[in-house]
């Protein structure tokens, strides 16, 4: 699921993608946070819609809840074990989720590395 979420984010040029593995964090609400930001409410909304399309199309999974699409300053997609946070940059800087959940295992997603790995995987099938 995380791969589909990341593909959806990259499709609409989401910035500074971070995946935080919370599976070993006591009392965490889910196993993974995926965090990124867009430059405007239009881009944030487009990223959220792209993530929903990717997960629905590839995995037949829809989020249990979607919050924040009205003003698209911070959109949350709740997939149960994974929660996607898509911010406008000033809101991401303000809430600092990466710092708040730094006791999880934090992975910064490099767009070029992700694309290269995905292309290799696809060509090997």
PDB file of N, CA and C in Angstrom:
ATOM      1  N   UNK A   1       0.825  -1.195   0.000  1.00  0.00           N
ATOM      2  CA  UNK A   1       0.000   0.000   0.000  1.00  0.00           C
ATOM      3  C   UNK A   1       0.873   1.265   0.000  1.00  0.00           C
ATOM      4  N   UNK A   2       1.956   1.250   0.759  1.00  0.00           N
ATOM      5  CA  UNK A   2       2.812   2.434   0.856  1.00  0.00           C
ATOM      6  C   UNK A   2       3.356   2.815  -0.515  1.00  0.00           C
ATOM      7  N   UNK A   3       3.719   1.810  -1.314  1.00  0.00           N
ATOM      8  CA  UNK A   3       4.233   2.092  -2.651  1.00  0.00           C
ATOM      9  C   UNK A   3       3.186   2.804  -3.503  1.00  0.00           C
ATOM     10  N   UNK A   4       1.948   2.363  -3.454  1.00  0.00           N
ATOM     11  CA  UNK A   4       0.872   3.022  -4.212  1.00  0.00           C
ATOM     12  C   UNK A   4       0.645   4.448  -3.722  1.00  0.00           C
ATOM     13  N   UNK A   5       0.706   4.639  -2.420  1.00  0.00           N
ATOM     14  CA  UNK A   5       0.560   5.985  -1.857  1.00  0.00           C
ATOM     15  C   UNK A   5       1.662   6.902  -2.380  1.00  0.00           C
ATOM     16  N   UNK A   6       2.893   6.412  -2.363  1.00  0.00           N
ATOM     17  CA  UNK A   6       4.024   7.223  -2.829  1.00  0.00           C
ATOM     18  C   UNK A   6       3.901   7.515  -4.314  1.00  0.00           C
ATOM     19  N   UNK A   7       3.497   6.526  -5.106  1.00  0.00           N
ATOM     20  CA  UNK A   7       3.293   6.777  -6.542  1.00  0.00           C
ATOM     21  C   UNK A   7       2.262   7.871  -6.762  1.00  0.00           C
ATOM     22  N   UNK A   8       1.171   7.845  -5.984  1.00  0.00           N
ATOM     23  CA  UNK A   8       0.147   8.882  -6.098  1.00  0.00           C
ATOM     24  C   UNK A   8       0.685  10.258  -5.771  1.00  0.00           C
ATOM     25  N   UNK A   9       1.522  10.331  -4.746  1.00  0.00           N
ATOM     26  CA  UNK A   9       2.132  11.615  -4.366  1.00  0.00           C
ATOM     27  C   UNK A   9       3.057  12.103  -5.475  1.00  0.00           C
ATOM     28  N   UNK A  10       3.905  11.209  -5.979  1.00  0.00           N
ATOM     29  CA  UNK A  10       4.860  11.600  -7.020  1.00  0.00           C
ATOM     30  C   UNK A  10       4.171  12.009  -8.319  1.00  0.00           C
ATOM     31  N   UNK A  11       3.027  11.400  -8.602  1.00  0.00           N
ATOM     32  CA  UNK A  11       2.276  11.732  -9.818  1.00  0.00           C
ATOM     33  C   UNK A  11       1.935  13.223  -9.875  1.00  0.00           C
ATOM     34  N   UNK A  12       1.695  13.819  -8.712  1.00  0.00           N
ATOM     35  CA  UNK A  12       1.335  15.244  -8.661  1.00  0.00           C
ATOM     36  C   UNK A  12       2.444  16.097  -8.041  1.00  0.00           C
ATOM     37  N   UNK A  13       3.664  15.552  -8.087  1.00  0.00           N
ATOM     38  CA  UNK A  13       4.862  16.322  -7.692  1.00  0.00           C
ATOM     39  C   UNK A  13       4.857  16.771  -6.231  1.00  0.00           C
ATOM     40  N   UNK A  14       4.411  15.887  -5.331  1.00  0.00           N
ATOM     41  CA  UNK A  14       4.492  16.181  -3.905  1.00  0.00           C
ATOM     42  C   UNK A  14       5.950  16.310  -3.480  1.00  0.00           C
ATOM     43  N   UNK A  15       6.205  17.138  -2.492  1.00  0.00           N
ATOM     44  CA  UNK A  15       7.568  17.454  -2.065  1.00  0.00           C
ATOM     45  C   UNK A  15       7.924  16.784  -0.738  1.00  0.00           C
ATOM     46  N   UNK A  16       9.205  16.474  -0.600  1.00  0.00           N
ATOM     47  CA  UNK A  16       9.795  15.991   0.658  1.00  0.00           C
ATOM     48  C   UNK A  16       8.968  14.884   1.298  1.00  0.00           C
ATOM     49  N   UNK A  17       8.855  13.784   0.581  1.00  0.00           N
ATOM     50  CA  UNK A  17       8.063  12.650   1.052  1.00  0.00           C
ATOM     51  C   UNK A  17       8.829  11.924   2.152  1.00  0.00           C
ATOM     52  N   UNK A  18       8.122  11.675   3.241  1.00  0.00           N
ATOM     53  CA  UNK A  18       8.686  10.965   4.385  1.00  0.00           C
ATOM     54  C   UNK A  18       7.721   9.852   4.768  1.00  0.00           C
ATOM     55  N   UNK A  19       8.267   8.672   5.036  1.00  0.00           N
ATOM     56  CA  UNK A  19       7.481   7.562   5.560  1.00  0.00           C
ATOM     57  C   UNK A  19       8.003   7.257   6.960  1.00  0.00           C
ATOM     58  N   UNK A  20       7.120   7.253   7.928  1.00  0.00           N
ATOM     59  CA  UNK A  20       7.496   6.962   9.304  1.00  0.00           C
ATOM     60  C   UNK A  20       6.854   5.642   9.711  1.00  0.00           C
ATOM     61  N   UNK A  21       7.693   4.660  10.022  1.00  0.00           N
ATOM     62  CA  UNK A  21       7.221   3.359  10.486  1.00  0.00           C
ATOM     63  C   UNK A  21       6.981   3.457  11.986  1.00  0.00           C
ATOM     64  N   UNK A  22       5.726   3.377  12.374  1.00  0.00           N
ATOM     65  CA  UNK A  22       5.330   3.492  13.778  1.00  0.00           C
ATOM     66  C   UNK A  22       4.962   2.142  14.389  1.00  0.00           C
ATOM     67  N   UNK A  23       5.219   1.067  13.674  1.00  0.00           N
ATOM     68  CA  UNK A  23       4.766  -0.250  14.114  1.00  0.00           C
ATOM     69  C   UNK A  23       5.366  -0.675  15.453  1.00  0.00           C
ATOM     70  N   UNK A  24       6.496  -0.119  15.815  1.00  0.00           N
ATOM     71  CA  UNK A  24       7.121  -0.466  17.099  1.00  0.00           C
ATOM     72  C   UNK A  24       6.967   0.627  18.154  1.00  0.00           C
ATOM     73  N   UNK A  25       6.167   1.624  17.833  1.00  0.00           N
ATOM     74  CA  UNK A  25       5.933   2.718  18.774  1.00  0.00           C
ATOM     75  C   UNK A  25       4.682   2.398  19.584  1.00  0.00           C
ATOM     76  N   UNK A  26       4.845   2.346  20.881  1.00  0.00           N
ATOM     77  CA  UNK A  26       3.728   2.017  21.753  1.00  0.00           C
ATOM     78  C   UNK A  26       2.629   3.078  21.646  1.00  0.00           C
ATOM     79  N   UNK A  27       1.398   2.635  21.566  1.00  0.00           N
ATOM     80  CA  UNK A  27       0.207   3.488  21.515  1.00  0.00           C
ATOM     81  C   UNK A  27       0.080   4.316  20.241  1.00  0.00           C
ATOM     82  N   UNK A  28       0.796   3.965  19.184  1.00  0.00           N
ATOM     83  CA  UNK A  28       0.637   4.668  17.908  1.00  0.00           C
ATOM     84  C   UNK A  28      -0.719   4.304  17.306  1.00  0.00           C
ATOM     85  N   UNK A  29      -1.339   5.269  16.677  1.00  0.00           N
ATOM     86  CA  UNK A  29      -2.676   5.069  16.116  1.00  0.00           C
ATOM     87  C   UNK A  29      -2.676   4.208  14.855  1.00  0.00           C
ATOM     88  N   UNK A  30      -1.521   4.075  14.212  1.00  0.00           N
ATOM     89  CA  UNK A  30      -1.411   3.296  12.982  1.00  0.00           C
ATOM     90  C   UNK A  30       0.022   2.783  12.848  1.00  0.00           C
ATOM     91  N   UNK A  31       0.291   2.056  11.780  1.00  0.00           N
ATOM     92  CA  UNK A  31       1.638   1.522  11.576  1.00  0.00           C
ATOM     93  C   UNK A  31       2.531   2.460  10.770  1.00  0.00           C
ATOM     94  N   UNK A  32       1.951   3.262   9.894  1.00  0.00           N
ATOM     95  CA  UNK A  32       2.743   4.138   9.038  1.00  0.00           C
ATOM     96  C   UNK A  32       2.097   5.508   8.894  1.00  0.00           C
ATOM     97  N   UNK A  33       2.930   6.518   8.898  1.00  0.00           N
ATOM     98  CA  UNK A  33       2.566   7.857   8.439  1.00  0.00           C
ATOM     99  C   UNK A  33       3.334   8.091   7.146  1.00  0.00           C
ATOM    100  N   UNK A  34       2.664   8.616   6.152  1.00  0.00           N
ATOM    101  CA  UNK A  34       3.335   9.109   4.953  1.00  0.00           C
ATOM    102  C   UNK A  34       3.029  10.598   4.911  1.00  0.00           C
ATOM    103  N   UNK A  35       4.078  11.410   4.820  1.00  0.00           N
ATOM    104  CA  UNK A  35       3.941  12.865   4.914  1.00  0.00           C
ATOM    105  C   UNK A  35       4.599  13.503   3.695  1.00  0.00           C
ATOM    106  N   UNK A  36       3.930  14.527   3.156  1.00  0.00           N
ATOM    107  CA  UNK A  36       4.516  15.317   2.074  1.00  0.00           C
ATOM    108  C   UNK A  36       3.873  16.692   2.088  1.00  0.00           C
ATOM    109  N   UNK A  37       4.303  17.554   1.188  1.00  0.00           N
ATOM    110  CA  UNK A  37       3.623  18.844   1.065  1.00  0.00           C
ATOM    111  C   UNK A  37       3.540  19.259  -0.393  1.00  0.00           C
ATOM    112  N   UNK A  38       2.578  20.157  -0.633  1.00  0.00           N
ATOM    113  CA  UNK A  38       2.391  20.775  -1.932  1.00  0.00           C
ATOM    114  C   UNK A  38       2.531  22.275  -1.785  1.00  0.00           C
ATOM    115  N   UNK A  39       2.553  22.968  -2.887  1.00  0.00           N
ATOM    116  CA  UNK A  39       2.788  24.412  -2.887  1.00  0.00           C
ATOM    117  C   UNK A  39       1.520  25.251  -2.760  1.00  0.00           C
ATOM    118  N   UNK A  40       0.360  24.642  -2.954  1.00  0.00           N
ATOM    119  CA  UNK A  40      -0.900  25.399  -2.928  1.00  0.00           C
ATOM    120  C   UNK A  40      -2.029  24.463  -2.523  1.00  0.00           C
ATOM    121  N   UNK A  41      -3.193  25.054  -2.211  1.00  0.00           N
ATOM    122  CA  UNK A  41      -4.332  24.198  -1.888  1.00  0.00           C
ATOM    123  C   UNK A  41      -4.750  23.362  -3.098  1.00  0.00           C
ATOM    124  N   UNK A  42      -4.576  23.901  -4.294  1.00  0.00           N
ATOM    125  CA  UNK A  42      -4.904  23.150  -5.507  1.00  0.00           C
ATOM    126  C   UNK A  42      -4.005  21.919  -5.633  1.00  0.00           C
ATOM    127  N   UNK A  43      -2.704  22.103  -5.407  1.00  0.00           N
ATOM    128  CA  UNK A  43      -1.785  20.966  -5.511  1.00  0.00           C
ATOM    129  C   UNK A  43      -2.031  19.955  -4.387  1.00  0.00           C
ATOM    130  N   UNK A  44      -2.270  20.421  -3.176  1.00  0.00           N
ATOM    131  CA  UNK A  44      -2.543  19.517  -2.054  1.00  0.00           C
ATOM    132  C   UNK A  44      -3.776  18.661  -2.367  1.00  0.00           C
ATOM    133  N   UNK A  45      -4.836  19.277  -2.859  1.00  0.00           N
ATOM    134  CA  UNK A  45      -6.031  18.530  -3.238  1.00  0.00           C
ATOM    135  C   UNK A  45      -5.760  17.544  -4.351  1.00  0.00           C
ATOM    136  N   UNK A  46      -4.975  17.954  -5.338  1.00  0.00           N
ATOM    137  CA  UNK A  46      -4.643  17.069  -6.456  1.00  0.00           C
ATOM    138  C   UNK A  46      -3.813  15.875  -5.990  1.00  0.00           C
ATOM    139  N   UNK A  47      -2.895  16.097  -5.062  1.00  0.00           N
ATOM    140  CA  UNK A  47      -2.094  14.990  -4.519  1.00  0.00           C
ATOM    141  C   UNK A  47      -3.012  13.996  -3.808  1.00  0.00           C
ATOM    142  N   UNK A  48      -3.905  14.503  -2.977  1.00  0.00           N
ATOM    143  CA  UNK A  48      -4.833  13.625  -2.250  1.00  0.00           C
ATOM    144  C   UNK A  48      -5.672  12.795  -3.219  1.00  0.00           C
ATOM    145  N   UNK A  49      -6.199  13.417  -4.240  1.00  0.00           N
ATOM    146  CA  UNK A  49      -7.010  12.706  -5.230  1.00  0.00           C
ATOM    147  C   UNK A  49      -6.178  11.666  -5.971  1.00  0.00           C
ATOM    148  N   UNK A  50      -4.930  12.000  -6.267  1.00  0.00           N
ATOM    149  CA  UNK A  50      -4.037  11.062  -6.950  1.00  0.00           C
ATOM    150  C   UNK A  50      -3.746   9.839  -6.079  1.00  0.00           C
ATOM    151  N   UNK A  51      -3.517  10.063  -4.789  1.00  0.00           N
ATOM    152  CA  UNK A  51      -3.283   8.944  -3.866  1.00  0.00           C
ATOM    153  C   UNK A  51      -4.527   8.059  -3.825  1.00  0.00           C
ATOM    154  N   UNK A  52      -5.695   8.657  -3.744  1.00  0.00           N
ATOM    155  CA  UNK A  52      -6.938   7.878  -3.719  1.00  0.00           C
ATOM    156  C   UNK A  52      -7.103   7.060  -5.002  1.00  0.00           C
ATOM    157  N   UNK A  53      -6.795   7.651  -6.145  1.00  0.00           N
ATOM    158  CA  UNK A  53      -6.893   6.928  -7.428  1.00  0.00           C
ATOM    159  C   UNK A  53      -5.922   5.748  -7.468  1.00  0.00           C
ATOM    160  N   UNK A  54      -4.688   5.986  -7.041  1.00  0.00           N
ATOM    161  CA  UNK A  54      -3.666   4.929  -7.056  1.00  0.00           C
ATOM    162  C   UNK A  54      -4.067   3.753  -6.170  1.00  0.00           C
ATOM    163  N   UNK A  55      -4.487   4.034  -4.953  1.00  0.00           N
ATOM    164  CA  UNK A  55      -4.823   2.939  -4.037  1.00  0.00           C
ATOM    165  C   UNK A  55      -6.106   2.221  -4.478  1.00  0.00           C
ATOM    166  N   UNK A  56      -7.055   2.974  -4.999  1.00  0.00           N
ATOM    167  CA  UNK A  56      -8.293   2.350  -5.481  1.00  0.00           C
ATOM    168  C   UNK A  56      -8.030   1.526  -6.739  1.00  0.00           C
ATOM    169  N   UNK A  57      -7.270   2.096  -7.661  1.00  0.00           N
ATOM    170  CA  UNK A  57      -7.015   1.418  -8.938  1.00  0.00           C
ATOM    171  C   UNK A  57      -6.104   0.213  -8.814  1.00  0.00           C
ATOM    172  N   UNK A  58      -5.054   0.315  -8.003  1.00  0.00           N
ATOM    173  CA  UNK A  58      -4.077  -0.774  -7.901  1.00  0.00           C
ATOM    174  C   UNK A  58      -4.420  -1.801  -6.834  1.00  0.00           C
ATOM    175  N   UNK A  59      -5.075  -1.362  -5.772  1.00  0.00           N
ATOM    176  CA  UNK A  59      -5.286  -2.259  -4.633  1.00  0.00           C
ATOM    177  C   UNK A  59      -6.753  -2.449  -4.257  1.00  0.00           C
ATOM    178  N   UNK A  60      -7.620  -1.703  -4.929  1.00  0.00           N
ATOM    179  CA  UNK A  60      -9.050  -1.710  -4.597  1.00  0.00           C
ATOM    180  C   UNK A  60      -9.286  -1.327  -3.135  1.00  0.00           C
ATOM    181  N   UNK A  61      -8.519  -0.353  -2.670  1.00  0.00           N
ATOM    182  CA  UNK A  61      -8.615   0.130  -1.290  1.00  0.00           C
ATOM    183  C   UNK A  61      -8.973   1.614  -1.322  1.00  0.00           C
ATOM    184  N   UNK A  62      -9.904   1.979  -0.490  1.00  0.00           N
ATOM    185  CA  UNK A  62     -10.290   3.381  -0.340  1.00  0.00           C
ATOM    186  C   UNK A  62     -10.033   3.790   1.106  1.00  0.00           C
ATOM    187  N   UNK A  63      -9.758   5.068   1.337  1.00  0.00           N
ATOM    188  CA  UNK A  63      -9.544   5.495   2.728  1.00  0.00           C
ATOM    189  C   UNK A  63     -10.832   5.373   3.543  1.00  0.00           C
ATOM    190  N   UNK A  64     -10.663   5.064   4.828  1.00  0.00           N
ATOM    191  CA  UNK A  64     -11.806   5.019   5.743  1.00  0.00           C
ATOM    192  C   UNK A  64     -12.342   6.424   5.981  1.00  0.00           C
ATOM    193  N   UNK A  65     -11.432   7.399   5.973  1.00  0.00           N
ATOM    194  CA  UNK A  65     -11.824   8.793   6.205  1.00  0.00           C
ATOM    195  C   UNK A  65     -10.891   9.711   5.438  1.00  0.00           C
ATOM    196  N   UNK A  66     -11.455  10.830   5.004  1.00  0.00           N
ATOM    197  CA  UNK A  66     -10.686  11.899   4.352  1.00  0.00           C
ATOM    198  C   UNK A  66     -11.069  13.185   5.056  1.00  0.00           C
ATOM    199  N   UNK A  67     -10.074  13.907   5.536  1.00  0.00           N
ATOM    200  CA  UNK A  67     -10.310  15.170   6.244  1.00  0.00           C
ATOM    201  C   UNK A  67      -9.506  16.285   5.593  1.00  0.00           C
ATOM    202  N   UNK A  68     -10.086  17.476   5.558  1.00  0.00           N
ATOM    203  CA  UNK A  68      -9.352  18.664   5.147  1.00  0.00           C
ATOM    204  C   UNK A  68      -9.418  19.042   3.686  1.00  0.00           C
ATOM    205  N   UNK A  69     -10.207  18.359   2.880  1.00  0.00           N
ATOM    206  CA  UNK A  69     -10.253  18.689   1.449  1.00  0.00           C
ATOM    207  C   UNK A  69     -10.885  20.059   1.196  1.00  0.00           C
ATOM    208  N   UNK A  70     -11.700  20.533   2.105  1.00  0.00           N
ATOM    209  CA  UNK A  70     -12.374  21.818   1.916  1.00  0.00           C
ATOM    210  C   UNK A  70     -11.417  22.971   1.718  1.00  0.00           C
ATOM    211  N   UNK A  71     -10.427  23.102   2.599  1.00  0.00           N
ATOM    212  CA  UNK A  71      -9.470  24.208   2.445  1.00  0.00           C
ATOM    213  C   UNK A  71      -8.109  23.712   1.974  1.00  0.00           C
ATOM    214  N   UNK A  72      -7.880  22.407   2.021  1.00  0.00           N
ATOM    215  CA  UNK A  72      -6.664  21.761   1.508  1.00  0.00           C
ATOM    216  C   UNK A  72      -5.382  22.398   2.045  1.00  0.00           C
ATOM    217  N   UNK A  73      -5.398  22.755   3.324  1.00  0.00           N
ATOM    218  CA  UNK A  73      -4.167  23.202   3.977  1.00  0.00           C
ATOM    219  C   UNK A  73      -3.432  21.999   4.558  1.00  0.00           C
ATOM    220  N   UNK A  74      -4.208  21.034   5.056  1.00  0.00           N
ATOM    221  CA  UNK A  74      -3.688  19.776   5.584  1.00  0.00           C
ATOM    222  C   UNK A  74      -4.751  18.734   5.307  1.00  0.00           C
ATOM    223  N   UNK A  75      -4.485  17.849   4.374  1.00  0.00           N
ATOM    224  CA  UNK A  75      -5.419  16.780   4.034  1.00  0.00           C
ATOM    225  C   UNK A  75      -4.904  15.487   4.654  1.00  0.00           C
ATOM    226  N   UNK A  76      -5.805  14.765   5.292  1.00  0.00           N
ATOM    227  CA  UNK A  76      -5.480  13.497   5.926  1.00  0.00           C
ATOM    228  C   UNK A  76      -6.293  12.402   5.259  1.00  0.00           C
ATOM    229  N   UNK A  77      -5.606  11.351   4.821  1.00  0.00           N
ATOM    230  CA  UNK A  77      -6.256  10.166   4.259  1.00  0.00           C
ATOM    231  C   UNK A  77      -5.975   9.017   5.216  1.00  0.00           C
ATOM    232  N   UNK A  78      -7.016   8.456   5.805  1.00  0.00           N
ATOM    233  CA  UNK A  78      -6.860   7.396   6.802  1.00  0.00           C
ATOM    234  C   UNK A  78      -7.178   6.044   6.165  1.00  0.00           C
ATOM    235  N   UNK A  79      -6.132   5.235   6.014  1.00  0.00           N
ATOM    236  CA  UNK A  79      -6.279   3.895   5.456  1.00  0.00           C
ATOM    237  C   UNK A  79      -6.216   2.819   6.544  1.00  0.00           C
ATOM    238  N   UNK A  80      -6.377   3.202   7.787  1.00  0.00           N
ATOM    239  CA  UNK A  80      -6.316   2.243   8.885  1.00  0.00           C
ATOM    240  C   UNK A  80      -4.892   2.079   9.382  1.00  0.00           C
ATOM    241  N   UNK A  81      -4.132   1.191   8.779  1.00  0.00           N
ATOM    242  CA  UNK A  81      -2.739   0.983   9.180  1.00  0.00           C
ATOM    243  C   UNK A  81      -1.784   2.024   8.628  1.00  0.00           C
ATOM    244  N   UNK A  82      -2.250   2.824   7.699  1.00  0.00           N
ATOM    245  CA  UNK A  82      -1.431   3.901   7.131  1.00  0.00           C
ATOM    246  C   UNK A  82      -2.264   5.178   7.077  1.00  0.00           C
ATOM    247  N   UNK A  83      -1.658   6.276   7.493  1.00  0.00           N
ATOM    248  CA  UNK A  83      -2.311   7.580   7.422  1.00  0.00           C
ATOM    249  C   UNK A  83      -1.420   8.496   6.595  1.00  0.00           C
ATOM    250  N   UNK A  84      -2.018   9.140   5.607  1.00  0.00           N
ATOM    251  CA  UNK A  84      -1.300  10.034   4.710  1.00  0.00           C
ATOM    252  C   UNK A  84      -1.617  11.468   5.110  1.00  0.00           C
ATOM    253  N   UNK A  85      -0.570  12.262   5.305  1.00  0.00           N
ATOM    254  CA  UNK A  85      -0.705  13.679   5.652  1.00  0.00           C
ATOM    255  C   UNK A  85      -0.126  14.488   4.496  1.00  0.00           C
ATOM    256  N   UNK A  86      -0.973  15.310   3.886  1.00  0.00           N
ATOM    257  CA  UNK A  86      -0.539  16.147   2.764  1.00  0.00           C
ATOM    258  C   UNK A  86      -0.774  17.592   3.172  1.00  0.00           C
ATOM    259  N   UNK A  87       0.298  18.317   3.336  1.00  0.00           N
ATOM    260  CA  UNK A  87       0.255  19.684   3.845  1.00  0.00           C
ATOM    261  C   UNK A  87       0.561  20.707   2.767  1.00  0.00           C
ATOM    262  N   UNK A  88       0.145  21.945   3.015  1.00  0.00           N
ATOM    263  CA  UNK A  88       0.807  23.081   2.393  1.00  0.00           C
ATOM    264  C   UNK A  88       2.038  23.327   3.255  1.00  0.00           C
ATOM    265  N   UNK A  89       3.116  23.768   2.654  1.00  0.00           N
ATOM    266  CA  UNK A  89       4.395  23.847   3.355  1.00  0.00           C
ATOM    267  C   UNK A  89       4.345  24.609   4.688  1.00  0.00           C
ATOM    268  N   UNK A  90       3.706  25.782   4.788  1.00  0.00           N
ATOM    269  CA  UNK A  90       3.696  26.484   6.079  1.00  0.00           C
ATOM    270  C   UNK A  90       3.039  25.674   7.202  1.00  0.00           C
ATOM    271  N   UNK A  91       2.026  24.885   6.872  1.00  0.00           N
ATOM    272  CA  UNK A  91       1.339  24.077   7.875  1.00  0.00           C
ATOM    273  C   UNK A  91       2.196  22.888   8.278  1.00  0.00           C
ATOM    274  N   UNK A  92       2.906  22.331   7.331  1.00  0.00           N
ATOM    275  CA  UNK A  92       3.834  21.242   7.667  1.00  0.00           C
ATOM    276  C   UNK A  92       4.919  21.742   8.618  1.00  0.00           C
ATOM    277  N   UNK A  93       5.445  22.920   8.328  1.00  0.00           N
ATOM    278  CA  UNK A  93       6.471  23.504   9.198  1.00  0.00           C
ATOM    279  C   UNK A  93       5.921  23.792  10.588  1.00  0.00           C
ATOM    280  N   UNK A  94       4.677  24.212  10.660  1.00  0.00           N
ATOM    281  CA  UNK A  94       4.072  24.546  11.941  1.00  0.00           C
ATOM    282  C   UNK A  94       3.823  23.300  12.805  1.00  0.00           C
ATOM    283  N   UNK A  95       3.245  22.256  12.222  1.00  0.00           N
ATOM    284  CA  UNK A  95       2.850  21.081  13.003  1.00  0.00           C
ATOM    285  C   UNK A  95       3.999  20.101  13.259  1.00  0.00           C
ATOM    286  N   UNK A  96       4.993  20.069  12.393  1.00  0.00           N
ATOM    287  CA  UNK A  96       6.226  19.287  12.602  1.00  0.00           C
ATOM    288  C   UNK A  96       5.958  17.835  13.007  1.00  0.00           C
ATOM    289  N   UNK A  97       5.149  17.135  12.227  1.00  0.00           N
ATOM    290  CA  UNK A  97       4.834  15.740  12.561  1.00  0.00           C
ATOM    291  C   UNK A  97       6.067  14.853  12.576  1.00  0.00           C
ATOM    292  N   UNK A  98       7.033  15.139  11.697  1.00  0.00           N
ATOM    293  CA  UNK A  98       8.249  14.328  11.674  1.00  0.00           C
ATOM    294  C   UNK A  98       8.968  14.387  13.016  1.00  0.00           C
ATOM    295  N   UNK A  99       8.970  15.554  13.640  1.00  0.00           N
ATOM    296  CA  UNK A  99       9.613  15.695  14.946  1.00  0.00           C
ATOM    297  C   UNK A  99       8.768  15.049  16.042  1.00  0.00           C
ATOM    298  N   UNK A 100       7.463  15.215  15.948  1.00  0.00           N
ATOM    299  CA  UNK A 100       6.569  14.663  16.951  1.00  0.00           C
ATOM    300  C   UNK A 100       6.658  13.137  17.010  1.00  0.00           C
ATOM    301  N   UNK A 101       6.836  12.500  15.863  1.00  0.00           N
ATOM    302  CA  UNK A 101       6.887  11.046  15.774  1.00  0.00           C
ATOM    303  C   UNK A 101       8.295  10.551  15.441  1.00  0.00           C
ATOM    304  N   UNK A 102       9.314  11.275  15.841  1.00  0.00           N
ATOM    305  CA  UNK A 102      10.695  10.928  15.521  1.00  0.00           C
ATOM    306  C   UNK A 102      11.144   9.618  16.161  1.00  0.00           C
ATOM    307  N   UNK A 103      10.394   9.092  17.130  1.00  0.00           N
ATOM    308  CA  UNK A 103      10.760   7.814  17.726  1.00  0.00           C
ATOM    309  C   UNK A 103      10.395   6.635  16.823  1.00  0.00           C
ATOM    310  N   UNK A 104       9.694   6.911  15.721  1.00  0.00           N
ATOM    311  CA  UNK A 104       9.458   5.891  14.703  1.00  0.00           C
ATOM    312  C   UNK A 104      10.656   5.842  13.768  1.00  0.00           C
ATOM    313  N   UNK A 105      10.668   4.880  12.894  1.00  0.00           N
ATOM    314  CA  UNK A 105      11.743   4.754  11.909  1.00  0.00           C
ATOM    315  C   UNK A 105      11.407   5.636  10.702  1.00  0.00           C
ATOM    316  N   UNK A 106      12.180   6.696  10.500  1.00  0.00           N
ATOM    317  CA  UNK A 106      11.895   7.702   9.478  1.00  0.00           C
ATOM    318  C   UNK A 106      12.689   7.401   8.205  1.00  0.00           C
ATOM    319  N   UNK A 107      11.982   7.333   7.080  1.00  0.00           N
ATOM    320  CA  UNK A 107      12.610   7.136   5.781  1.00  0.00           C
ATOM    321  C   UNK A 107      12.250   8.304   4.876  1.00  0.00           C
ATOM    322  N   UNK A 108      13.264   8.975   4.346  1.00  0.00           N
ATOM    323  CA  UNK A 108      13.048  10.048   3.379  1.00  0.00           C
ATOM    324  C   UNK A 108      13.039   9.403   1.997  1.00  0.00           C
ATOM    325  N   UNK A 109      11.989   9.664   1.240  1.00  0.00           N
ATOM    326  CA  UNK A 109      11.818   9.049  -0.071  1.00  0.00           C
ATOM    327  C   UNK A 109      12.458   9.942  -1.128  1.00  0.00           C
ATOM    328  N   UNK A 110      13.445   9.396  -1.803  1.00  0.00           N
ATOM    329  CA  UNK A 110      14.092  10.103  -2.905  1.00  0.00           C
ATOM    330  C   UNK A 110      13.349   9.735  -4.185  1.00  0.00           C
ATOM    331  N   UNK A 111      12.806  10.737  -4.852  1.00  0.00           N
ATOM    332  CA  UNK A 111      11.980  10.507  -6.043  1.00  0.00           C
ATOM    333  C   UNK A 111      12.723   9.695  -7.101  1.00  0.00           C
ATOM    334  N   UNK A 112      13.966  10.034  -7.372  1.00  0.00           N
ATOM    335  CA  UNK A 112      14.716   9.335  -8.417  1.00  0.00           C
ATOM    336  C   UNK A 112      14.997   7.888  -8.030  1.00  0.00           C
ATOM    337  N   UNK A 113      15.369   7.655  -6.766  1.00  0.00           N
ATOM    338  CA  UNK A 113      15.605   6.289  -6.312  1.00  0.00           C
ATOM    339  C   UNK A 113      14.330   5.468  -6.362  1.00  0.00           C
ATOM    340  N   UNK A 114      13.212   6.044  -5.951  1.00  0.00           N
ATOM    341  CA  UNK A 114      11.934   5.342  -5.958  1.00  0.00           C
ATOM    342  C   UNK A 114      11.548   4.976  -7.384  1.00  0.00           C
ATOM    343  N   UNK A 115      11.660   5.936  -8.300  1.00  0.00           N
ATOM    344  CA  UNK A 115      11.302   5.690  -9.702  1.00  0.00           C
ATOM    345  C   UNK A 115      12.193   4.613 -10.302  1.00  0.00           C
ATOM    346  N   UNK A 116      13.488   4.676 -10.017  1.00  0.00           N
ATOM    347  CA  UNK A 116      14.431   3.694 -10.544  1.00  0.00           C
ATOM    348  C   UNK A 116      14.103   2.298 -10.020  1.00  0.00           C
ATOM    349  N   UNK A 117      13.849   2.175  -8.740  1.00  0.00           N
ATOM    350  CA  UNK A 117      13.511   0.891  -8.128  1.00  0.00           C
ATOM    351  C   UNK A 117      12.214   0.352  -8.719  1.00  0.00           C
ATOM    352  N   UNK A 118      11.222   1.221  -8.887  1.00  0.00           N
ATOM    353  CA  UNK A 118       9.938   0.783  -9.428  1.00  0.00           C
ATOM    354  C   UNK A 118      10.086   0.321 -10.874  1.00  0.00           C
ATOM    355  N   UNK A 119      10.858   1.044 -11.682  1.00  0.00           N
ATOM    356  CA  UNK A 119      11.064   0.659 -13.077  1.00  0.00           C
ATOM    357  C   UNK A 119      11.767  -0.693 -13.170  1.00  0.00           C
ATOM    358  N   UNK A 120      12.785  -0.918 -12.316  1.00  0.00           N
ATOM    359  CA  UNK A 120      13.497  -2.197 -12.293  1.00  0.00           C
ATOM    360  C   UNK A 120      12.547  -3.322 -11.930  1.00  0.00           C
ATOM    361  N   UNK A 121      11.713  -3.115 -10.932  1.00  0.00           N
ATOM    362  CA  UNK A 121      10.773  -4.129 -10.472  1.00  0.00           C
ATOM    363  C   UNK A 121       9.788  -4.453 -11.586  1.00  0.00           C
ATOM    364  N   UNK A 122       9.258  -3.419 -12.244  1.00  0.00           N
ATOM    365  CA  UNK A 122       8.288  -3.622 -13.313  1.00  0.00           C
ATOM    366  C   UNK A 122       8.905  -4.376 -14.485  1.00  0.00           C
ATOM    367  N   UNK A 123      10.149  -4.042 -14.860  1.00  0.00           N
ATOM    368  CA  UNK A 123      10.772  -4.680 -16.012  1.00  0.00           C
ATOM    369  C   UNK A 123      11.156  -6.125 -15.727  1.00  0.00           C
ATOM    370  N   UNK A 124      11.315  -6.516 -14.444  1.00  0.00           N
ATOM    371  CA  UNK A 124      11.683  -7.880 -14.091  1.00  0.00           C
ATOM    372  C   UNK A 124      10.491  -8.808 -14.095  1.00  0.00           C
ATOM    373  N   UNK A 125       9.283  -8.289 -14.110  1.00  0.00           N
ATOM    374  CA  UNK A 125       8.087  -9.157 -14.061  1.00  0.00           C
ATOM    375  C   UNK A 125       7.802  -9.771 -15.398  1.00  0.00           C
TER     376      UNK A 125
END
